[in-house]
Amino acid sequence: LDLMLPGRNGYDVCRTLRAAGITTPVLILTAKDGE
């Protein structure tokens, strides 16, 4: 999952998945390199 996406960003996608109880492993792949 990229973070900087058009429309719903990666943060929102990840939050939505976990809120829905979906436990599929998520690997963030992004240019955002801040801690």
Full PDB file with SEQRES, HELIX, SHEET, SSBOND, CRYST1, ORIGX, SCALE, CONECT and MASTER records, all heavy atoms in Angstrom:
SEQRES   1 A   35  LEU ASP LEU MET LEU PRO GLY ARG ASN GLY TYR ASP VAL          
SEQRES   2 A   35  CYS ARG THR LEU ARG ALA ALA GLY ILE THR THR PRO VAL          
SEQRES   3 A   35  LEU ILE LEU THR ALA LYS ASP GLY GLU                          
HELIX    1 AA1 GLY A   10  ALA A   19  1                                  10    
CRYST1    1.000    1.000    1.000  90.00  90.00  90.00 P 1           1          
ORIGX1      1.000000  0.000000  0.000000        0.00000                         
ORIGX2      0.000000  1.000000  0.000000        0.00000                         
ORIGX3      0.000000  0.000000  1.000000        0.00000                         
SCALE1      1.000000  0.000000  0.000000        0.00000                         
SCALE2      0.000000  1.000000  0.000000        0.00000                         
SCALE3      0.000000  0.000000  1.000000        0.00000                         
ATOM      1  N   LEU A   1       0.814  -1.216   0.000  1.00  0.00           N  
ATOM      2  CA  LEU A   1       0.000   0.000   0.000  1.00  0.00           C  
ATOM      3  C   LEU A   1       0.848   1.268   0.000  1.00  0.00           C  
ATOM      4  O   LEU A   1       1.652   1.485   0.919  1.00  0.00           O  
ATOM      5  CB  LEU A   1      -0.917  -0.026   1.236  1.00  0.00           C  
ATOM      6  CG  LEU A   1      -1.808   1.178   1.500  1.00  0.00           C  
ATOM      7  CD1 LEU A   1      -2.851   1.339   0.382  1.00  0.00           C  
ATOM      8  CD2 LEU A   1      -2.518   1.006   2.853  1.00  0.00           C  
ATOM      9  N   ASP A   2       0.654   2.105  -1.018  1.00  0.00           N  
ATOM     10  CA  ASP A   2       1.270   3.431  -1.040  1.00  0.00           C  
ATOM     11  C   ASP A   2       0.469   4.345  -0.115  1.00  0.00           C  
ATOM     12  O   ASP A   2      -0.722   4.121   0.126  1.00  0.00           O  
ATOM     13  CB  ASP A   2       1.261   3.971  -2.471  1.00  0.00           C  
ATOM     14  CG  ASP A   2       2.071   5.247  -2.634  1.00  0.00           C  
ATOM     15  OD1 ASP A   2       2.836   5.590  -1.704  1.00  0.00           O  
ATOM     16  OD2 ASP A   2       1.940   5.897  -3.682  1.00  0.00           O  
ATOM     17  N   LEU A   3       1.113   5.371   0.418  1.00  0.00           N  
ATOM     18  CA  LEU A   3       0.406   6.318   1.284  1.00  0.00           C  
ATOM     19  C   LEU A   3      -0.185   7.482   0.508  1.00  0.00           C  
ATOM     20  O   LEU A   3      -1.311   7.917   0.777  1.00  0.00           O  
ATOM     21  CB  LEU A   3       1.354   6.855   2.369  1.00  0.00           C  
ATOM     22  CG  LEU A   3       1.771   5.853   3.446  1.00  0.00           C  
ATOM     23  CD1 LEU A   3       2.713   6.520   4.447  1.00  0.00           C  
ATOM     24  CD2 LEU A   3       0.560   5.265   4.170  1.00  0.00           C  
ATOM     25  N   MET A   4       0.568   8.003  -0.462  1.00  0.00           N  
ATOM     26  CA  MET A   4       0.118   9.183  -1.204  1.00  0.00           C  
ATOM     27  C   MET A   4      -0.656   8.738  -2.434  1.00  0.00           C  
ATOM     28  O   MET A   4      -0.091   8.470  -3.496  1.00  0.00           O  
ATOM     29  CB  MET A   4       1.318  10.053  -1.569  1.00  0.00           C  
ATOM     30  CG  MET A   4       2.007  10.629  -0.355  1.00  0.00           C  
ATOM     31  SD  MET A   4       3.407  11.707  -0.747  1.00  0.00           S  
ATOM     32  CE  MET A   4       4.613  10.503  -1.296  1.00  0.00           C  
ATOM     33  N   LEU A   5      -1.975   8.628  -2.282  1.00  0.00           N  
ATOM     34  CA  LEU A   5      -2.854   8.155  -3.337  1.00  0.00           C  
ATOM     35  C   LEU A   5      -3.899   9.218  -3.653  1.00  0.00           C  
ATOM     36  O   LEU A   5      -4.269  10.008  -2.775  1.00  0.00           O  
ATOM     37  CB  LEU A   5      -3.577   6.876  -2.891  1.00  0.00           C  
ATOM     38  CG  LEU A   5      -2.720   5.646  -2.597  1.00  0.00           C  
ATOM     39  CD1 LEU A   5      -3.549   4.590  -1.879  1.00  0.00           C  
ATOM     40  CD2 LEU A   5      -2.152   5.076  -3.897  1.00  0.00           C  
ATOM     41  N   PRO A   6      -4.404   9.241  -4.887  1.00  0.00           N  
ATOM     42  CA  PRO A   6      -5.512  10.160  -5.185  1.00  0.00           C  
ATOM     43  C   PRO A   6      -6.771   9.735  -4.439  1.00  0.00           C  
ATOM     44  O   PRO A   6      -7.024   8.549  -4.236  1.00  0.00           O  
ATOM     45  CB  PRO A   6      -5.689  10.010  -6.701  1.00  0.00           C  
ATOM     46  CG  PRO A   6      -5.084   8.679  -7.041  1.00  0.00           C  
ATOM     47  CD  PRO A   6      -3.976   8.467  -6.063  1.00  0.00           C  
ATOM     48  N   GLY A   7      -7.550  10.711  -4.012  1.00  0.00           N  
ATOM     49  CA  GLY A   7      -8.769  10.390  -3.265  1.00  0.00           C  
ATOM     50  C   GLY A   7      -8.441   9.926  -1.856  1.00  0.00           C  
ATOM     51  O   GLY A   7      -7.775  10.629  -1.100  1.00  0.00           O  
ATOM     52  N   ARG A   8      -8.840   8.731  -1.499  1.00  0.00           N  
ATOM     53  CA  ARG A   8      -8.578   8.191  -0.164  1.00  0.00           C  
ATOM     54  C   ARG A   8      -7.124   7.735  -0.079  1.00  0.00           C  
ATOM     55  O   ARG A   8      -6.696   6.858  -0.832  1.00  0.00           O  
ATOM     56  CB  ARG A   8      -9.530   7.035   0.129  1.00  0.00           C  
ATOM     57  CG  ARG A   8     -10.996   7.408  -0.009  1.00  0.00           C  
ATOM     58  CD  ARG A   8     -11.932   6.289   0.351  1.00  0.00           C  
ATOM     59  NE  ARG A   8     -11.944   6.029   1.781  1.00  0.00           N  
ATOM     60  CZ  ARG A   8     -12.859   5.256   2.376  1.00  0.00           C  
ATOM     61  NH1 ARG A   8     -13.811   4.693   1.661  1.00  0.00           N  
ATOM     62  NH2 ARG A   8     -12.805   5.046   3.670  1.00  0.00           N  
ATOM     63  N   ASN A   9      -6.367   8.336   0.824  1.00  0.00           N  
ATOM     64  CA  ASN A   9      -4.948   8.010   0.900  1.00  0.00           C  
ATOM     65  C   ASN A   9      -4.709   6.686   1.641  1.00  0.00           C  
ATOM     66  O   ASN A   9      -5.635   6.057   2.146  1.00  0.00           O  
ATOM     67  CB  ASN A   9      -4.158   9.157   1.540  1.00  0.00           C  
ATOM     68  CG  ASN A   9      -4.575   9.420   2.980  1.00  0.00           C  
ATOM     69  OD1 ASN A   9      -4.953   8.506   3.711  1.00  0.00           O  
ATOM     70  ND2 ASN A   9      -4.496  10.676   3.398  1.00  0.00           N  
ATOM     71  N   GLY A  10      -3.443   6.290   1.685  1.00  0.00           N  
ATOM     72  CA  GLY A  10      -3.111   5.007   2.291  1.00  0.00           C  
ATOM     73  C   GLY A  10      -3.434   4.926   3.764  1.00  0.00           C  
ATOM     74  O   GLY A  10      -3.811   3.863   4.271  1.00  0.00           O  
ATOM     75  N   TYR A  11      -3.274   6.036   4.480  1.00  0.00           N  
ATOM     76  CA  TYR A  11      -3.633   6.044   5.903  1.00  0.00           C  
ATOM     77  C   TYR A  11      -5.115   5.705   6.066  1.00  0.00           C  
ATOM     78  O   TYR A  11      -5.498   4.896   6.927  1.00  0.00           O  
ATOM     79  CB  TYR A  11      -3.375   7.425   6.514  1.00  0.00           C  
ATOM     80  CG  TYR A  11      -1.935   7.835   6.595  1.00  0.00           C  
ATOM     81  CD1 TYR A  11      -1.468   8.928   5.867  1.00  0.00           C  
ATOM     82  CD2 TYR A  11      -1.036   7.161   7.415  1.00  0.00           C  
ATOM     83  CE1 TYR A  11      -0.141   9.332   5.945  1.00  0.00           C  
ATOM     84  CE2 TYR A  11       0.293   7.553   7.507  1.00  0.00           C  
ATOM     85  CZ  TYR A  11       0.731   8.641   6.767  1.00  0.00           C  
ATOM     86  OH  TYR A  11       2.039   9.040   6.858  1.00  0.00           O  
ATOM     87  N   ASP A  12      -5.953   6.321   5.236  1.00  0.00           N  
ATOM     88  CA  ASP A  12      -7.396   6.097   5.320  1.00  0.00           C  
ATOM     89  C   ASP A  12      -7.753   4.661   4.962  1.00  0.00           C  
ATOM     90  O   ASP A  12      -8.601   4.033   5.595  1.00  0.00           O  
ATOM     91  CB  ASP A  12      -8.116   7.074   4.394  1.00  0.00           C  
ATOM     92  CG  ASP A  12      -9.626   7.061   4.587  1.00  0.00           C  
ATOM     93  OD1 ASP A  12     -10.075   6.715   5.702  1.00  0.00           O  
ATOM     94  OD2 ASP A  12     -10.348   7.375   3.630  1.00  0.00           O  
ATOM     95  N   VAL A  13      -7.082   4.129   3.934  1.00  0.00           N  
ATOM     96  CA  VAL A  13      -7.337   2.737   3.539  1.00  0.00           C  
ATOM     97  C   VAL A  13      -6.994   1.786   4.684  1.00  0.00           C  
ATOM     98  O   VAL A  13      -7.768   0.896   5.031  1.00  0.00           O  
ATOM     99  CB  VAL A  13      -6.516   2.371   2.282  1.00  0.00           C  
ATOM    100  CG1 VAL A  13      -6.605   0.866   2.001  1.00  0.00           C  
ATOM    101  CG2 VAL A  13      -7.012   3.147   1.075  1.00  0.00           C  
ATOM    102  N   CYS A  14      -5.828   1.981   5.286  1.00  0.00           N  
ATOM    103  CA  CYS A  14      -5.392   1.104   6.378  1.00  0.00           C  
ATOM    104  C   CYS A  14      -6.338   1.208   7.572  1.00  0.00           C  
ATOM    105  O   CYS A  14      -6.735   0.203   8.163  1.00  0.00           O  
ATOM    106  CB  CYS A  14      -3.969   1.479   6.790  1.00  0.00           C  
ATOM    107  SG  CYS A  14      -3.157   0.232   7.812  1.00  0.00           S  
ATOM    108  N   ARG A  15      -6.724   2.444   7.930  1.00  0.00           N  
ATOM    109  CA  ARG A  15      -7.647   2.660   9.040  1.00  0.00           C  
ATOM    110  C   ARG A  15      -8.987   1.969   8.781  1.00  0.00           C  
ATOM    111  O   ARG A  15      -9.553   1.310   9.666  1.00  0.00           O  
ATOM    112  CB  ARG A  15      -7.875   4.160   9.242  1.00  0.00           C  
ATOM    113  CG  ARG A  15      -8.810   4.483  10.407  1.00  0.00           C  
ATOM    114  CD  ARG A  15      -9.187   5.958  10.429  1.00  0.00           C  
ATOM    115  NE  ARG A  15      -8.029   6.825  10.529  1.00  0.00           N  
ATOM    116  CZ  ARG A  15      -7.586   7.605   9.561  1.00  0.00           C  
ATOM    117  NH1 ARG A  15      -8.197   7.608   8.372  1.00  0.00           N  
ATOM    118  NH2 ARG A  15      -6.533   8.380   9.743  1.00  0.00           N  
ATOM    119  N   THR A  16      -9.478   2.074   7.547  1.00  0.00           N  
ATOM    120  CA  THR A  16     -10.769   1.476   7.186  1.00  0.00           C  
ATOM    121  C   THR A  16     -10.720  -0.043   7.263  1.00  0.00           C  
ATOM    122  O   THR A  16     -11.656  -0.684   7.759  1.00  0.00           O  
ATOM    123  CB  THR A  16     -11.180   1.919   5.768  1.00  0.00           C  
ATOM    124  OG1 THR A  16     -11.259   3.352   5.725  1.00  0.00           O  
ATOM    125  CG2 THR A  16     -12.525   1.336   5.376  1.00  0.00           C  
ATOM    126  N   LEU A  17      -9.627  -0.620   6.791  1.00  0.00           N  
ATOM    127  CA  LEU A  17      -9.471  -2.082   6.840  1.00  0.00           C  
ATOM    128  C   LEU A  17      -9.511  -2.594   8.271  1.00  0.00           C  
ATOM    129  O   LEU A  17     -10.224  -3.548   8.593  1.00  0.00           O  
ATOM    130  CB  LEU A  17      -8.138  -2.497   6.213  1.00  0.00           C  
ATOM    131  CG  LEU A  17      -7.930  -2.286   4.715  1.00  0.00           C  
ATOM    132  CD1 LEU A  17      -6.558  -2.804   4.319  1.00  0.00           C  
ATOM    133  CD2 LEU A  17      -9.004  -3.001   3.933  1.00  0.00           C  
ATOM    134  N   ARG A  18      -8.717  -1.973   9.122  1.00  0.00           N  
ATOM    135  CA  ARG A  18      -8.629  -2.455  10.499  1.00  0.00           C  
ATOM    136  C   ARG A  18      -9.936  -2.223  11.250  1.00  0.00           C  
ATOM    137  O   ARG A  18     -10.345  -3.054  12.062  1.00  0.00           O  
ATOM    138  CB  ARG A  18      -7.460  -1.778  11.224  1.00  0.00           C  
ATOM    139  CG  ARG A  18      -6.077  -2.070  10.613  1.00  0.00           C  
ATOM    140  CD  ARG A  18      -5.879  -3.548  10.328  1.00  0.00           C  
ATOM    141  NE  ARG A  18      -4.509  -3.861   9.897  1.00  0.00           N  
ATOM    142  CZ  ARG A  18      -4.221  -4.710   8.940  1.00  0.00           C  
ATOM    143  NH1 ARG A  18      -5.184  -5.345   8.281  1.00  0.00           N  
ATOM    144  NH2 ARG A  18      -2.970  -4.958   8.618  1.00  0.00           N  
ATOM    145  N   ALA A  19     -10.619  -1.123  10.959  1.00  0.00           N  
ATOM    146  CA  ALA A  19     -11.909  -0.861  11.606  1.00  0.00           C  
ATOM    147  C   ALA A  19     -12.945  -1.899  11.203  1.00  0.00           C  
ATOM    148  O   ALA A  19     -13.859  -2.222  11.973  1.00  0.00           O  
ATOM    149  CB  ALA A  19     -12.401   0.544  11.254  1.00  0.00           C  
ATOM    150  N   ALA A  20     -12.798  -2.440   9.980  1.00  0.00           N  
ATOM    151  CA  ALA A  20     -13.731  -3.453   9.491  1.00  0.00           C  
ATOM    152  C   ALA A  20     -13.336  -4.861   9.943  1.00  0.00           C  
ATOM    153  O   ALA A  20     -13.993  -5.840   9.585  1.00  0.00           O  
ATOM    154  CB  ALA A  20     -13.796  -3.399   7.967  1.00  0.00           C  
ATOM    155  N   GLY A  21     -12.255  -4.984  10.702  1.00  0.00           N  
ATOM    156  CA  GLY A  21     -11.813  -6.289  11.190  1.00  0.00           C  
ATOM    157  C   GLY A  21     -11.032  -7.104  10.181  1.00  0.00           C  
ATOM    158  O   GLY A  21     -10.822  -8.304  10.369  1.00  0.00           O  
ATOM    159  N   ILE A  22     -10.580  -6.469   9.108  1.00  0.00           N  
ATOM    160  CA  ILE A  22      -9.785  -7.170   8.089  1.00  0.00           C  
ATOM    161  C   ILE A  22      -8.328  -7.199   8.550  1.00  0.00           C  
ATOM    162  O   ILE A  22      -7.714  -6.155   8.750  1.00  0.00           O  
ATOM    163  CB  ILE A  22      -9.914  -6.468   6.727  1.00  0.00           C  
ATOM    164  CG1 ILE A  22     -11.370  -6.541   6.256  1.00  0.00           C  
ATOM    165  CG2 ILE A  22      -8.984  -7.106   5.692  1.00  0.00           C  
ATOM    166  CD1 ILE A  22     -11.665  -5.721   5.017  1.00  0.00           C  
ATOM    167  N   THR A  23      -7.778  -8.381   8.717  1.00  0.00           N  
ATOM    168  CA  THR A  23      -6.448  -8.539   9.316  1.00  0.00           C  
ATOM    169  C   THR A  23      -5.355  -8.857   8.291  1.00  0.00           C  
ATOM    170  O   THR A  23      -4.235  -9.194   8.674  1.00  0.00           O  
ATOM    171  CB  THR A  23      -6.472  -9.652  10.378  1.00  0.00           C  
ATOM    172  OG1 THR A  23      -6.862 -10.893   9.761  1.00  0.00           O  
ATOM    173  CG2 THR A  23      -7.447  -9.313  11.497  1.00  0.00           C  
ATOM    174  N   THR A  24      -5.670  -8.769   7.002  1.00  0.00           N  
ATOM    175  CA  THR A  24      -4.667  -9.039   5.963  1.00  0.00           C  
ATOM    176  C   THR A  24      -3.403  -8.205   6.212  1.00  0.00           C  
ATOM    177  O   THR A  24      -3.501  -7.001   6.456  1.00  0.00           O  
ATOM    178  CB  THR A  24      -5.240  -8.676   4.581  1.00  0.00           C  
ATOM    179  OG1 THR A  24      -6.464  -9.375   4.386  1.00  0.00           O  
ATOM    180  CG2 THR A  24      -4.252  -9.044   3.474  1.00  0.00           C  
ATOM    181  N   PRO A  25      -2.221  -8.821   6.159  1.00  0.00           N  
ATOM    182  CA  PRO A  25      -0.991  -8.048   6.368  1.00  0.00           C  
ATOM    183  C   PRO A  25      -0.858  -6.904   5.368  1.00  0.00           C  
ATOM    184  O   PRO A  25      -1.114  -7.080   4.176  1.00  0.00           O  
ATOM    185  CB  PRO A  25       0.113  -9.088   6.161  1.00  0.00           C  
ATOM    186  CG  PRO A  25      -0.539 -10.401   6.447  1.00  0.00           C  
ATOM    187  CD  PRO A  25      -1.948 -10.263   5.981  1.00  0.00           C  
ATOM    188  N   VAL A  26      -0.458  -5.730   5.862  1.00  0.00           N  
ATOM    189  CA  VAL A  26      -0.293  -4.537   5.027  1.00  0.00           C  
ATOM    190  C   VAL A  26       1.163  -4.084   5.089  1.00  0.00           C  
ATOM    191  O   VAL A  26       1.699  -3.839   6.174  1.00  0.00           O  
ATOM    192  CB  VAL A  26      -1.216  -3.393   5.494  1.00  0.00           C  
ATOM    193  CG1 VAL A  26      -0.900  -2.106   4.732  1.00  0.00           C  
ATOM    194  CG2 VAL A  26      -2.681  -3.777   5.310  1.00  0.00           C  
ATOM    195  N   LEU A  27       1.789  -3.984   3.921  1.00  0.00           N  
ATOM    196  CA  LEU A  27       3.143  -3.467   3.812  1.00  0.00           C  
ATOM    197  C   LEU A  27       3.062  -2.092   3.149  1.00  0.00           C  
ATOM    198  O   LEU A  27       2.626  -1.989   2.004  1.00  0.00           O  
ATOM    199  CB  LEU A  27       4.014  -4.407   2.984  1.00  0.00           C  
ATOM    200  CG  LEU A  27       5.527  -4.145   2.965  1.00  0.00           C  
ATOM    201  CD1 LEU A  27       6.264  -5.407   2.525  1.00  0.00           C  
ATOM    202  CD2 LEU A  27       5.913  -3.000   2.032  1.00  0.00           C  
ATOM    203  N   ILE A  28       3.443  -1.051   3.866  1.00  0.00           N  
ATOM    204  CA  ILE A  28       3.447   0.295   3.311  1.00  0.00           C  
ATOM    205  C   ILE A  28       4.679   0.462   2.428  1.00  0.00           C  
ATOM    206  O   ILE A  28       5.802   0.172   2.847  1.00  0.00           O  
ATOM    207  CB  ILE A  28       3.460   1.365   4.427  1.00  0.00           C  
ATOM    208  CG1 ILE A  28       2.219   1.220   5.334  1.00  0.00           C  
ATOM    209  CG2 ILE A  28       3.541   2.760   3.831  1.00  0.00           C  
ATOM    210  CD1 ILE A  28       0.907   1.479   4.638  1.00  0.00           C  
ATOM    211  N   LEU A  29       4.467   0.930   1.190  1.00  0.00           N  
ATOM    212  CA  LEU A  29       5.561   1.207   0.252  1.00  0.00           C  
ATOM    213  C   LEU A  29       5.387   2.649  -0.210  1.00  0.00           C  
ATOM    214  O   LEU A  29       4.472   2.961  -0.975  1.00  0.00           O  
ATOM    215  CB  LEU A  29       5.492   0.251  -0.939  1.00  0.00           C  
ATOM    216  CG  LEU A  29       6.602   0.383  -1.984  1.00  0.00           C  
ATOM    217  CD1 LEU A  29       7.964   0.071  -1.367  1.00  0.00           C  
ATOM    218  CD2 LEU A  29       6.331  -0.551  -3.161  1.00  0.00           C  
ATOM    219  N   THR A  30       6.239   3.543   0.279  1.00  0.00           N  
ATOM    220  CA  THR A  30       5.984   4.969   0.102  1.00  0.00           C  
ATOM    221  C   THR A  30       7.263   5.782   0.002  1.00  0.00           C  
ATOM    222  O   THR A  30       8.332   5.349   0.448  1.00  0.00           O  
ATOM    223  CB  THR A  30       5.144   5.490   1.289  1.00  0.00           C  
ATOM    224  OG1 THR A  30       4.893   6.889   1.137  1.00  0.00           O  
ATOM    225  CG2 THR A  30       5.875   5.255   2.608  1.00  0.00           C  
ATOM    226  N   ALA A  31       7.132   6.992  -0.557  1.00  0.00           N  
ATOM    227  CA  ALA A  31       8.247   7.939  -0.599  1.00  0.00           C  
ATOM    228  C   ALA A  31       8.342   8.754   0.684  1.00  0.00           C  
ATOM    229  O   ALA A  31       9.324   9.462   0.902  1.00  0.00           O  
ATOM    230  CB  ALA A  31       8.091   8.874  -1.800  1.00  0.00           C  
ATOM    231  N   LYS A  32       7.338   8.658   1.545  1.00  0.00           N  
ATOM    232  CA  LYS A  32       7.343   9.399   2.809  1.00  0.00           C  
ATOM    233  C   LYS A  32       8.286   8.690   3.783  1.00  0.00           C  
ATOM    234  O   LYS A  32       7.968   7.615   4.272  1.00  0.00           O  
ATOM    235  CB  LYS A  32       5.923   9.497   3.385  1.00  0.00           C  
ATOM    236  CG  LYS A  32       4.972  10.316   2.506  1.00  0.00           C  
ATOM    237  CD  LYS A  32       3.547  10.255   3.005  1.00  0.00           C  
ATOM    238  CE  LYS A  32       3.342  11.070   4.277  1.00  0.00           C  
ATOM    239  NZ  LYS A  32       3.490  12.518   4.070  1.00  0.00           N  
ATOM    240  N   ASP A  33       9.430   9.319   4.043  1.00  0.00           N  
ATOM    241  CA  ASP A  33      10.450   8.640   4.839  1.00  0.00           C  
ATOM    242  C   ASP A  33      10.654   9.242   6.227  1.00  0.00           C  
ATOM    243  O   ASP A  33      11.641   8.952   6.901  1.00  0.00           O  
ATOM    244  CB  ASP A  33      11.785   8.623   4.089  1.00  0.00           C  
ATOM    245  CG  ASP A  33      12.282  10.033   3.762  1.00  0.00           C  
ATOM    246  OD1 ASP A  33      11.585  11.006   4.097  1.00  0.00           O  
ATOM    247  OD2 ASP A  33      13.376  10.144   3.170  1.00  0.00           O  
ATOM    248  N   GLY A  34       9.698  10.034   6.692  1.00  0.00           N  
ATOM    249  CA  GLY A  34       9.811  10.605   8.030  1.00  0.00           C  
ATOM    250  C   GLY A  34       9.444   9.588   9.097  1.00  0.00           C  
ATOM    251  O   GLY A  34       8.605   8.708   8.879  1.00  0.00           O  
ATOM    252  N   GLU A  35      10.068   9.714  10.268  1.00  0.00           N  
ATOM    253  CA  GLU A  35       9.791   8.752  11.339  1.00  0.00           C  
ATOM    254  C   GLU A  35       8.363   8.883  11.845  1.00  0.00           C  
ATOM    255  O   GLU A  35       7.752   7.887  12.253  1.00  0.00           O  
ATOM    256  CB  GLU A  35      10.788   8.931  12.482  1.00  0.00           C  
ATOM    257  CG  GLU A  35      10.785  10.301  13.126  1.00  0.00           C  
ATOM    258  CD  GLU A  35      11.853  10.444  14.197  1.00  0.00           C  
ATOM    259  OE1 GLU A  35      12.798   9.623  14.207  1.00  0.00           O  
ATOM    260  OE2 GLU A  35      11.730  11.358  15.025  1.00  0.00           O  
TER     261      GLU A  35                                                      
MASTER        0    0    0    1    0    0    0    6  260    1    0    3          
END                                                                             
